């Protein structure tokens, strides 16, 4: 699935499951250190949302969050978490 999204001249990458790259969203939002995806993912509210998404029938076949290390890695999240991240910003 390829959902090309461009925000403020920044292309937001997606993975094969249609998850959005939080690192790209962070960059498009200005890249402030206190808005890093890691801080968002550590929040109690985010953890609760991830549990709910993991337990939903729609997401039984894939993980709502996946992180890939390395130069071309990143943290990819489902659309619901991408929305939650942008609202948190």
PDB file of N, CA and C in Angstrom:
ATOM      1  N   UNK A   1       0.855  -1.166   0.000  1.00  0.00           N
ATOM      2  CA  UNK A   1       0.000   0.000   0.000  1.00  0.00           C
ATOM      3  C   UNK A   1       0.902   1.231   0.000  1.00  0.00           C
ATOM      4  N   UNK A   2       0.648   2.166  -0.882  1.00  0.00           N
ATOM      5  CA  UNK A   2       1.474   3.356  -0.964  1.00  0.00           C
ATOM      6  C   UNK A   2       0.586   4.584  -0.836  1.00  0.00           C
ATOM      7  N   UNK A   3       0.612   5.223   0.318  1.00  0.00           N
ATOM      8  CA  UNK A   3      -0.153   6.439   0.580  1.00  0.00           C
ATOM      9  C   UNK A   3       0.825   7.596   0.648  1.00  0.00           C
ATOM     10  N   UNK A   4       1.099   8.237  -0.472  1.00  0.00           N
ATOM     11  CA  UNK A   4       2.038   9.343  -0.475  1.00  0.00           C
ATOM     12  C   UNK A   4       1.402  10.546   0.204  1.00  0.00           C
ATOM     13  N   UNK A   5       2.105  11.052   1.188  1.00  0.00           N
ATOM     14  CA  UNK A   5       1.654  12.211   1.944  1.00  0.00           C
ATOM     15  C   UNK A   5       2.806  13.191   1.996  1.00  0.00           C
ATOM     16  N   UNK A   6       2.547  14.449   1.663  1.00  0.00           N
ATOM     17  CA  UNK A   6       3.577  15.484   1.698  1.00  0.00           C
ATOM     18  C   UNK A   6       3.082  16.608   2.592  1.00  0.00           C
ATOM     19  N   UNK A   7       3.866  16.923   3.624  1.00  0.00           N
ATOM     20  CA  UNK A   7       3.547  18.007   4.546  1.00  0.00           C
ATOM     21  C   UNK A   7       4.717  18.969   4.591  1.00  0.00           C
ATOM     22  N   UNK A   8       4.456  20.223   4.321  1.00  0.00           N
ATOM     23  CA  UNK A   8       5.487  21.256   4.383  1.00  0.00           C
ATOM     24  C   UNK A   8       6.741  20.830   3.619  1.00  0.00           C
ATOM     25  N   UNK A   9       6.530  20.360   2.395  1.00  0.00           N
ATOM     26  CA  UNK A   9       7.602  19.907   1.501  1.00  0.00           C
ATOM     27  C   UNK A   9       8.383  18.706   2.030  1.00  0.00           C
ATOM     28  N   UNK A  10       7.840  17.984   2.989  1.00  0.00           N
ATOM     29  CA  UNK A  10       8.462  16.776   3.517  1.00  0.00           C
ATOM     30  C   UNK A  10       7.589  15.588   3.138  1.00  0.00           C
ATOM     31  N   UNK A  11       8.173  14.630   2.448  1.00  0.00           N
ATOM     32  CA  UNK A  11       7.443  13.420   2.101  1.00  0.00           C
ATOM     33  C   UNK A  11       7.395  12.509   3.317  1.00  0.00           C
ATOM     34  N   UNK A  12       6.204  12.096   3.680  1.00  0.00           N
ATOM     35  CA  UNK A  12       6.006  11.193   4.805  1.00  0.00           C
ATOM     36  C   UNK A  12       5.991   9.773   4.232  1.00  0.00           C
ATOM     37  N   UNK A  13       7.029   9.014   4.544  1.00  0.00           N
ATOM     38  CA  UNK A  13       7.132   7.658   4.018  1.00  0.00           C
ATOM     39  C   UNK A  13       6.097   6.748   4.677  1.00  0.00           C
ATOM     40  N   UNK A  14       5.711   5.712   3.938  1.00  0.00           N
ATOM     41  CA  UNK A  14       4.856   4.666   4.472  1.00  0.00           C
ATOM     42  C   UNK A  14       5.531   3.324   4.209  1.00  0.00           C
ATOM     43  N   UNK A  15       5.199   2.341   5.026  1.00  0.00           N
ATOM     44  CA  UNK A  15       5.745   1.014   4.796  1.00  0.00           C
ATOM     45  C   UNK A  15       4.734   0.167   4.033  1.00  0.00           C
ATOM     46  N   UNK A  16       5.047  -1.095   3.830  1.00  0.00           N
ATOM     47  CA  UNK A  16       4.189  -1.961   3.026  1.00  0.00           C
ATOM     48  C   UNK A  16       2.818  -2.203   3.652  1.00  0.00           C
ATOM     49  N   UNK A  17       2.692  -1.986   4.964  1.00  0.00           N
ATOM     50  CA  UNK A  17       1.402  -2.149   5.644  1.00  0.00           C
ATOM     51  C   UNK A  17       0.614  -0.847   5.710  1.00  0.00           C
ATOM     52  N   UNK A  18       1.164   0.235   5.161  1.00  0.00           N
ATOM     53  CA  UNK A  18       0.471   1.520   5.160  1.00  0.00           C
ATOM     54  C   UNK A  18       0.706   2.357   6.400  1.00  0.00           C
ATOM     55  N   UNK A  19       1.659   1.947   7.247  1.00  0.00           N
ATOM     56  CA  UNK A  19       1.985   2.730   8.448  1.00  0.00           C
ATOM     57  C   UNK A  19       2.811   3.951   8.048  1.00  0.00           C
ATOM     58  N   UNK A  20       2.635   5.044   8.779  1.00  0.00           N
ATOM     59  CA  UNK A  20       3.311   6.308   8.495  1.00  0.00           C
ATOM     60  C   UNK A  20       4.558   6.462   9.350  1.00  0.00           C
ATOM     61  N   UNK A  21       5.573   7.107   8.801  1.00  0.00           N
ATOM     62  CA  UNK A  21       6.844   7.294   9.494  1.00  0.00           C
ATOM     63  C   UNK A  21       6.748   8.491  10.453  1.00  0.00           C
ATOM     64  N   UNK A  22       6.830   8.209  11.756  1.00  0.00           N
ATOM     65  CA  UNK A  22       6.782   9.284  12.758  1.00  0.00           C
ATOM     66  C   UNK A  22       7.978  10.219  12.634  1.00  0.00           C
ATOM     67  N   UNK A  23       9.123   9.686  12.229  1.00  0.00           N
ATOM     68  CA  UNK A  23      10.310  10.519  12.087  1.00  0.00           C
ATOM     69  C   UNK A  23      10.085  11.592  11.022  1.00  0.00           C
ATOM     70  N   UNK A  24       9.431  11.222   9.931  1.00  0.00           N
ATOM     71  CA  UNK A  24       9.119  12.189   8.880  1.00  0.00           C
ATOM     72  C   UNK A  24       8.095  13.212   9.359  1.00  0.00           C
ATOM     73  N   UNK A  25       7.089  12.765  10.119  1.00  0.00           N
ATOM     74  CA  UNK A  25       6.103  13.700  10.668  1.00  0.00           C
ATOM     75  C   UNK A  25       6.775  14.690  11.617  1.00  0.00           C
ATOM     76  N   UNK A  26       7.712  14.198  12.415  1.00  0.00           N
ATOM     77  CA  UNK A  26       8.470  15.057  13.333  1.00  0.00           C
ATOM     78  C   UNK A  26       9.242  16.118  12.553  1.00  0.00           C
ATOM     79  N   UNK A  27       9.892  15.695  11.495  1.00  0.00           N
ATOM     80  CA  UNK A  27      10.655  16.629  10.661  1.00  0.00           C
ATOM     81  C   UNK A  27       9.737  17.680  10.041  1.00  0.00           C
ATOM     82  N   UNK A  28       8.589  17.249   9.513  1.00  0.00           N
ATOM     83  CA  UNK A  28       7.648  18.172   8.877  1.00  0.00           C
ATOM     84  C   UNK A  28       7.080  19.177   9.874  1.00  0.00           C
ATOM     85  N   UNK A  29       6.994  18.776  11.151  1.00  0.00           N
ATOM     86  CA  UNK A  29       6.443  19.647  12.188  1.00  0.00           C
ATOM     87  C   UNK A  29       7.477  20.605  12.766  1.00  0.00           C
ATOM     88  N   UNK A  30       8.693  20.577  12.266  1.00  0.00           N
ATOM     89  CA  UNK A  30       9.711  21.506  12.728  1.00  0.00           C
ATOM     90  C   UNK A  30      10.876  20.846  13.437  1.00  0.00           C
ATOM     91  N   UNK A  31      10.731  19.583  13.797  1.00  0.00           N
ATOM     92  CA  UNK A  31      11.841  18.836  14.378  1.00  0.00           C
ATOM     93  C   UNK A  31      12.290  19.272  15.763  1.00  0.00           C
ATOM     94  N   UNK A  32      11.411  19.875  16.537  1.00  0.00           N
ATOM     95  CA  UNK A  32      11.800  20.314  17.881  1.00  0.00           C
ATOM     96  C   UNK A  32      12.163  19.118  18.751  1.00  0.00           C
ATOM     97  N   UNK A  33      13.234  19.233  19.533  1.00  0.00           N
ATOM     98  CA  UNK A  33      13.672  18.105  20.361  1.00  0.00           C
ATOM     99  C   UNK A  33      12.607  17.574  21.315  1.00  0.00           C
ATOM    100  N   UNK A  34      11.778  18.449  21.865  1.00  0.00           N
ATOM    101  CA  UNK A  34      10.770  17.985  22.823  1.00  0.00           C
ATOM    102  C   UNK A  34       9.564  17.330  22.149  1.00  0.00           C
ATOM    103  N   UNK A  35       9.554  17.282  20.820  1.00  0.00           N
ATOM    104  CA  UNK A  35       8.480  16.630  20.076  1.00  0.00           C
ATOM    105  C   UNK A  35       8.940  15.335  19.406  1.00  0.00           C
ATOM    106  N   UNK A  36      10.035  14.777  19.871  1.00  0.00           N
ATOM    107  CA  UNK A  36      10.555  13.547  19.281  1.00  0.00           C
ATOM    108  C   UNK A  36       9.536  12.419  19.411  1.00  0.00           C
ATOM    109  N   UNK A  37       9.457  11.555  18.410  1.00  0.00           N
ATOM    110  CA  UNK A  37       8.533  10.426  18.477  1.00  0.00           C
ATOM    111  C   UNK A  37       8.718   9.562  19.726  1.00  0.00           C
ATOM    112  N   UNK A  38       9.930   9.407  20.191  1.00  0.00           N
ATOM    113  CA  UNK A  38      10.179   8.581  21.379  1.00  0.00           C
ATOM    114  C   UNK A  38       9.427   9.118  22.590  1.00  0.00           C
ATOM    115  N   UNK A  39       9.354  10.430  22.733  1.00  0.00           N
ATOM    116  CA  UNK A  39       8.630  11.020  23.865  1.00  0.00           C
ATOM    117  C   UNK A  39       7.134  10.730  23.759  1.00  0.00           C
ATOM    118  N   UNK A  40       6.607  10.822  22.545  1.00  0.00           N
ATOM    119  CA  UNK A  40       5.200  10.520  22.315  1.00  0.00           C
ATOM    120  C   UNK A  40       4.900   9.058  22.639  1.00  0.00           C
ATOM    121  N   UNK A  41       5.771   8.165  22.203  1.00  0.00           N
ATOM    122  CA  UNK A  41       5.536   6.737  22.404  1.00  0.00           C
ATOM    123  C   UNK A  41       5.642   6.322  23.867  1.00  0.00           C
ATOM    124  N   UNK A  42       6.325   7.102  24.698  1.00  0.00           N
ATOM    125  CA  UNK A  42       6.476   6.796  26.116  1.00  0.00           C
ATOM    126  C   UNK A  42       5.294   7.266  26.970  1.00  0.00           C
ATOM    127  N   UNK A  43       4.430   8.056  26.397  1.00  0.00           N
ATOM    128  CA  UNK A  43       3.291   8.584  27.156  1.00  0.00           C
ATOM    129  C   UNK A  43       2.328   7.459  27.532  1.00  0.00           C
ATOM    130  N   UNK A  44       1.737   7.569  28.694  1.00  0.00           N
ATOM    131  CA  UNK A  44       0.772   6.574  29.167  1.00  0.00           C
ATOM    132  C   UNK A  44      -0.427   6.490  28.224  1.00  0.00           C
ATOM    133  N   UNK A  45      -0.915   7.638  27.757  1.00  0.00           N
ATOM    134  CA  UNK A  45      -2.064   7.662  26.861  1.00  0.00           C
ATOM    135  C   UNK A  45      -1.750   6.945  25.542  1.00  0.00           C
ATOM    136  N   UNK A  46      -0.538   7.119  25.059  1.00  0.00           N
ATOM    137  CA  UNK A  46      -0.136   6.455  23.819  1.00  0.00           C
ATOM    138  C   UNK A  46      -0.067   4.951  24.032  1.00  0.00           C
ATOM    139  N   UNK A  47       0.499   4.536  25.162  1.00  0.00           N
ATOM    140  CA  UNK A  47       0.596   3.103  25.461  1.00  0.00           C
ATOM    141  C   UNK A  47      -0.797   2.479  25.532  1.00  0.00           C
ATOM    142  N   UNK A  48      -1.739   3.180  26.147  1.00  0.00           N
ATOM    143  CA  UNK A  48      -3.113   2.671  26.243  1.00  0.00           C
ATOM    144  C   UNK A  48      -3.754   2.562  24.857  1.00  0.00           C
ATOM    145  N   UNK A  49      -3.510   3.551  24.011  1.00  0.00           N
ATOM    146  CA  UNK A  49      -4.047   3.517  22.657  1.00  0.00           C
ATOM    147  C   UNK A  49      -3.439   2.357  21.869  1.00  0.00           C
ATOM    148  N   UNK A  50      -2.146   2.119  22.030  1.00  0.00           N
ATOM    149  CA  UNK A  50      -1.497   1.013  21.329  1.00  0.00           C
ATOM    150  C   UNK A  50      -2.080  -0.332  21.756  1.00  0.00           C
ATOM    151  N   UNK A  51      -2.394  -0.478  23.042  1.00  0.00           N
ATOM    152  CA  UNK A  51      -3.011  -1.717  23.523  1.00  0.00           C
ATOM    153  C   UNK A  51      -4.381  -1.897  22.884  1.00  0.00           C
ATOM    154  N   UNK A  52      -5.179  -0.834  22.857  1.00  0.00           N
ATOM    155  CA  UNK A  52      -6.506  -0.912  22.250  1.00  0.00           C
ATOM    156  C   UNK A  52      -6.413  -1.264  20.764  1.00  0.00           C
ATOM    157  N   UNK A  53      -5.475  -0.646  20.077  1.00  0.00           N
ATOM    158  CA  UNK A  53      -5.320  -0.928  18.652  1.00  0.00           C
ATOM    159  C   UNK A  53      -4.854  -2.363  18.427  1.00  0.00           C
ATOM    160  N   UNK A  54      -3.973  -2.846  19.266  1.00  0.00           N
ATOM    161  CA  UNK A  54      -3.478  -4.220  19.145  1.00  0.00           C
ATOM    162  C   UNK A  54      -4.583  -5.235  19.376  1.00  0.00           C
ATOM    163  N   UNK A  55      -5.536  -4.878  20.227  1.00  0.00           N
ATOM    164  CA  UNK A  55      -6.637  -5.792  20.549  1.00  0.00           C
ATOM    165  C   UNK A  55      -7.819  -5.687  19.589  1.00  0.00           C
ATOM    166  N   UNK A  56      -7.813  -4.686  18.717  1.00  0.00           N
ATOM    167  CA  UNK A  56      -8.939  -4.515  17.806  1.00  0.00           C
ATOM    168  C   UNK A  56      -8.900  -5.564  16.699  1.00  0.00           C
ATOM    169  N   UNK A  57     -10.048  -5.920  16.218  1.00  0.00           N
ATOM    170  CA  UNK A  57     -10.146  -6.931  15.159  1.00  0.00           C
ATOM    171  C   UNK A  57      -9.464  -6.468  13.876  1.00  0.00           C
ATOM    172  N   UNK A  58      -9.472  -5.155  13.617  1.00  0.00           N
ATOM    173  CA  UNK A  58      -8.882  -4.634  12.385  1.00  0.00           C
ATOM    174  C   UNK A  58      -7.371  -4.779  12.345  1.00  0.00           C
ATOM    175  N   UNK A  59      -6.715  -4.809  13.500  1.00  0.00           N
ATOM    176  CA  UNK A  59      -5.257  -4.830  13.505  1.00  0.00           C
ATOM    177  C   UNK A  59      -4.677  -6.174  13.939  1.00  0.00           C
ATOM    178  N   UNK A  60      -5.480  -7.204  13.959  1.00  0.00           N
ATOM    179  CA  UNK A  60      -4.978  -8.512  14.376  1.00  0.00           C
ATOM    180  C   UNK A  60      -3.917  -9.042  13.414  1.00  0.00           C
ATOM    181  N   UNK A  61      -3.925  -8.591  12.176  1.00  0.00           N
ATOM    182  CA  UNK A  61      -2.987  -9.120  11.192  1.00  0.00           C
ATOM    183  C   UNK A  61      -1.703  -8.302  11.067  1.00  0.00           C
ATOM    184  N   UNK A  62      -1.581  -7.180  11.768  1.00  0.00           N
ATOM    185  CA  UNK A  62      -0.351  -6.391  11.719  1.00  0.00           C
ATOM    186  C   UNK A  62      -0.164  -5.624  13.018  1.00  0.00           C
ATOM    187  N   UNK A  63       1.037  -5.165  13.239  1.00  0.00           N
ATOM    188  CA  UNK A  63       1.354  -4.386  14.440  1.00  0.00           C
ATOM    189  C   UNK A  63       1.076  -2.915  14.177  1.00  0.00           C
ATOM    190  N   UNK A  64       0.480  -2.191  15.142  1.00  0.00           N
ATOM    191  CA  UNK A  64       0.224  -0.761  14.943  1.00  0.00           C
ATOM    192  C   UNK A  64       1.503   0.077  14.946  1.00  0.00           C
ATOM    193  N   UNK A  65       2.574  -0.443  15.598  1.00  0.00           N
ATOM    194  CA  UNK A  65       3.846   0.279  15.672  1.00  0.00           C
ATOM    195  C   UNK A  65       4.971  -0.682  15.348  1.00  0.00           C
ATOM    196  N   UNK A  66       5.897  -0.220  14.515  1.00  0.00           N
ATOM    197  CA  UNK A  66       7.092  -1.006  14.224  1.00  0.00           C
ATOM    198  C   UNK A  66       8.262  -0.039  14.082  1.00  0.00           C
ATOM    199  N   UNK A  67       9.389  -0.395  14.679  1.00  0.00           N
ATOM    200  CA  UNK A  67      10.589   0.442  14.591  1.00  0.00           C
ATOM    201  C   UNK A  67      11.695  -0.332  13.892  1.00  0.00           C
ATOM    202  N   UNK A  68      12.356   0.347  12.977  1.00  0.00           N
ATOM    203  CA  UNK A  68      13.481  -0.223  12.254  1.00  0.00           C
ATOM    204  C   UNK A  68      14.710   0.614  12.565  1.00  0.00           C
ATOM    205  N   UNK A  69      15.747  -0.028  13.062  1.00  0.00           N
ATOM    206  CA  UNK A  69      16.986   0.680  13.392  1.00  0.00           C
ATOM    207  C   UNK A  69      17.816   0.920  12.135  1.00  0.00           C
ATOM    208  N   UNK A  70      18.738   1.826  12.256  1.00  0.00           N
ATOM    209  CA  UNK A  70      19.677   2.052  11.166  1.00  0.00           C
ATOM    210  C   UNK A  70      19.431   3.339  10.415  1.00  0.00           C
ATOM    211  N   UNK A  71      20.312   3.571   9.471  1.00  0.00           N
ATOM    212  CA  UNK A  71      20.299   4.815   8.711  1.00  0.00           C
ATOM    213  C   UNK A  71      18.983   5.050   7.970  1.00  0.00           C
ATOM    214  N   UNK A  72      18.413   4.004   7.410  1.00  0.00           N
ATOM    215  CA  UNK A  72      17.177   4.150   6.648  1.00  0.00           C
ATOM    216  C   UNK A  72      15.968   3.603   7.416  1.00  0.00           C
ATOM    217  N   UNK A  73      16.116   3.491   8.710  1.00  0.00           N
ATOM    218  CA  UNK A  73      15.043   2.985   9.552  1.00  0.00           C
ATOM    219  C   UNK A  73      14.077   4.084   9.942  1.00  0.00           C
ATOM    220  N   UNK A  74      13.345   3.829  10.975  1.00  0.00           N
ATOM    221  CA  UNK A  74      12.387   4.793  11.476  1.00  0.00           C
ATOM    222  C   UNK A  74      11.294   4.086  12.238  1.00  0.00           C
ATOM    223  N   UNK A  75      10.425   4.873  12.827  1.00  0.00           N
ATOM    224  CA  UNK A  75       9.289   4.332  13.554  1.00  0.00           C
ATOM    225  C   UNK A  75       8.046   4.558  12.719  1.00  0.00           C
ATOM    226  N   UNK A  76       7.369   3.470  12.405  1.00  0.00           N
ATOM    227  CA  UNK A  76       6.184   3.519  11.567  1.00  0.00           C
ATOM    228  C   UNK A  76       4.969   3.153  12.397  1.00  0.00           C
ATOM    229  N   UNK A  77       3.911   3.936  12.247  1.00  0.00           N
ATOM    230  CA  UNK A  77       2.697   3.732  13.039  1.00  0.00           C
ATOM    231  C   UNK A  77       1.473   3.733  12.137  1.00  0.00           C
ATOM    232  N   UNK A  78       0.406   3.089  12.637  1.00  0.00           N
ATOM    233  CA  UNK A  78      -0.851   3.073  11.898  1.00  0.00           C
ATOM    234  C   UNK A  78      -1.445   4.487  11.859  1.00  0.00           C
ATOM    235  N   UNK A  79      -2.446   4.659  11.046  1.00  0.00           N
ATOM    236  CA  UNK A  79      -3.048   5.974  10.846  1.00  0.00           C
ATOM    237  C   UNK A  79      -3.572   6.578  12.149  1.00  0.00           C
ATOM    238  N   UNK A  80      -4.178   5.759  13.007  1.00  0.00           N
ATOM    239  CA  UNK A  80      -4.727   6.271  14.262  1.00  0.00           C
ATOM    240  C   UNK A  80      -3.627   6.856  15.150  1.00  0.00           C
ATOM    241  N   UNK A  81      -2.483   6.186  15.207  1.00  0.00           N
ATOM    242  CA  UNK A  81      -1.363   6.708  16.003  1.00  0.00           C
ATOM    243  C   UNK A  81      -0.715   7.912  15.334  1.00  0.00           C
ATOM    244  N   UNK A  82      -0.713   7.940  14.011  1.00  0.00           N
ATOM    245  CA  UNK A  82      -0.192   9.118  13.306  1.00  0.00           C
ATOM    246  C   UNK A  82      -1.052  10.340  13.626  1.00  0.00           C
ATOM    247  N   UNK A  83      -2.376  10.156  13.642  1.00  0.00           N
ATOM    248  CA  UNK A  83      -3.276  11.250  14.025  1.00  0.00           C
ATOM    249  C   UNK A  83      -3.016  11.675  15.474  1.00  0.00           C
ATOM    250  N   UNK A  84      -2.881  10.699  16.351  1.00  0.00           N
ATOM    251  CA  UNK A  84      -2.645  11.017  17.771  1.00  0.00           C
ATOM    252  C   UNK A  84      -1.334  11.787  17.934  1.00  0.00           C
ATOM    253  N   UNK A  85      -0.317  11.400  17.191  1.00  0.00           N
ATOM    254  CA  UNK A  85       0.966  12.101  17.264  1.00  0.00           C
ATOM    255  C   UNK A  85       0.826  13.552  16.784  1.00  0.00           C
ATOM    256  N   UNK A  86       0.154  13.750  15.671  1.00  0.00           N
ATOM    257  CA  UNK A  86       0.016  15.120  15.166  1.00  0.00           C
ATOM    258  C   UNK A  86      -0.824  15.977  16.096  1.00  0.00           C
ATOM    259  N   UNK A  87      -1.820  15.388  16.756  1.00  0.00           N
ATOM    260  CA  UNK A  87      -2.604  16.156  17.742  1.00  0.00           C
ATOM    261  C   UNK A  87      -1.757  16.468  18.979  1.00  0.00           C
ATOM    262  N   UNK A  88      -0.872  15.556  19.370  1.00  0.00           N
ATOM    263  CA  UNK A  88       0.009  15.767  20.495  1.00  0.00           C
ATOM    264  C   UNK A  88       0.973  16.925  20.224  1.00  0.00           C
ATOM    265  N   UNK A  89       1.398  17.039  18.964  1.00  0.00           N
ATOM    266  CA  UNK A  89       2.315  18.122  18.598  1.00  0.00           C
ATOM    267  C   UNK A  89       1.641  19.466  18.827  1.00  0.00           C
TER     268      UNK A  89
END
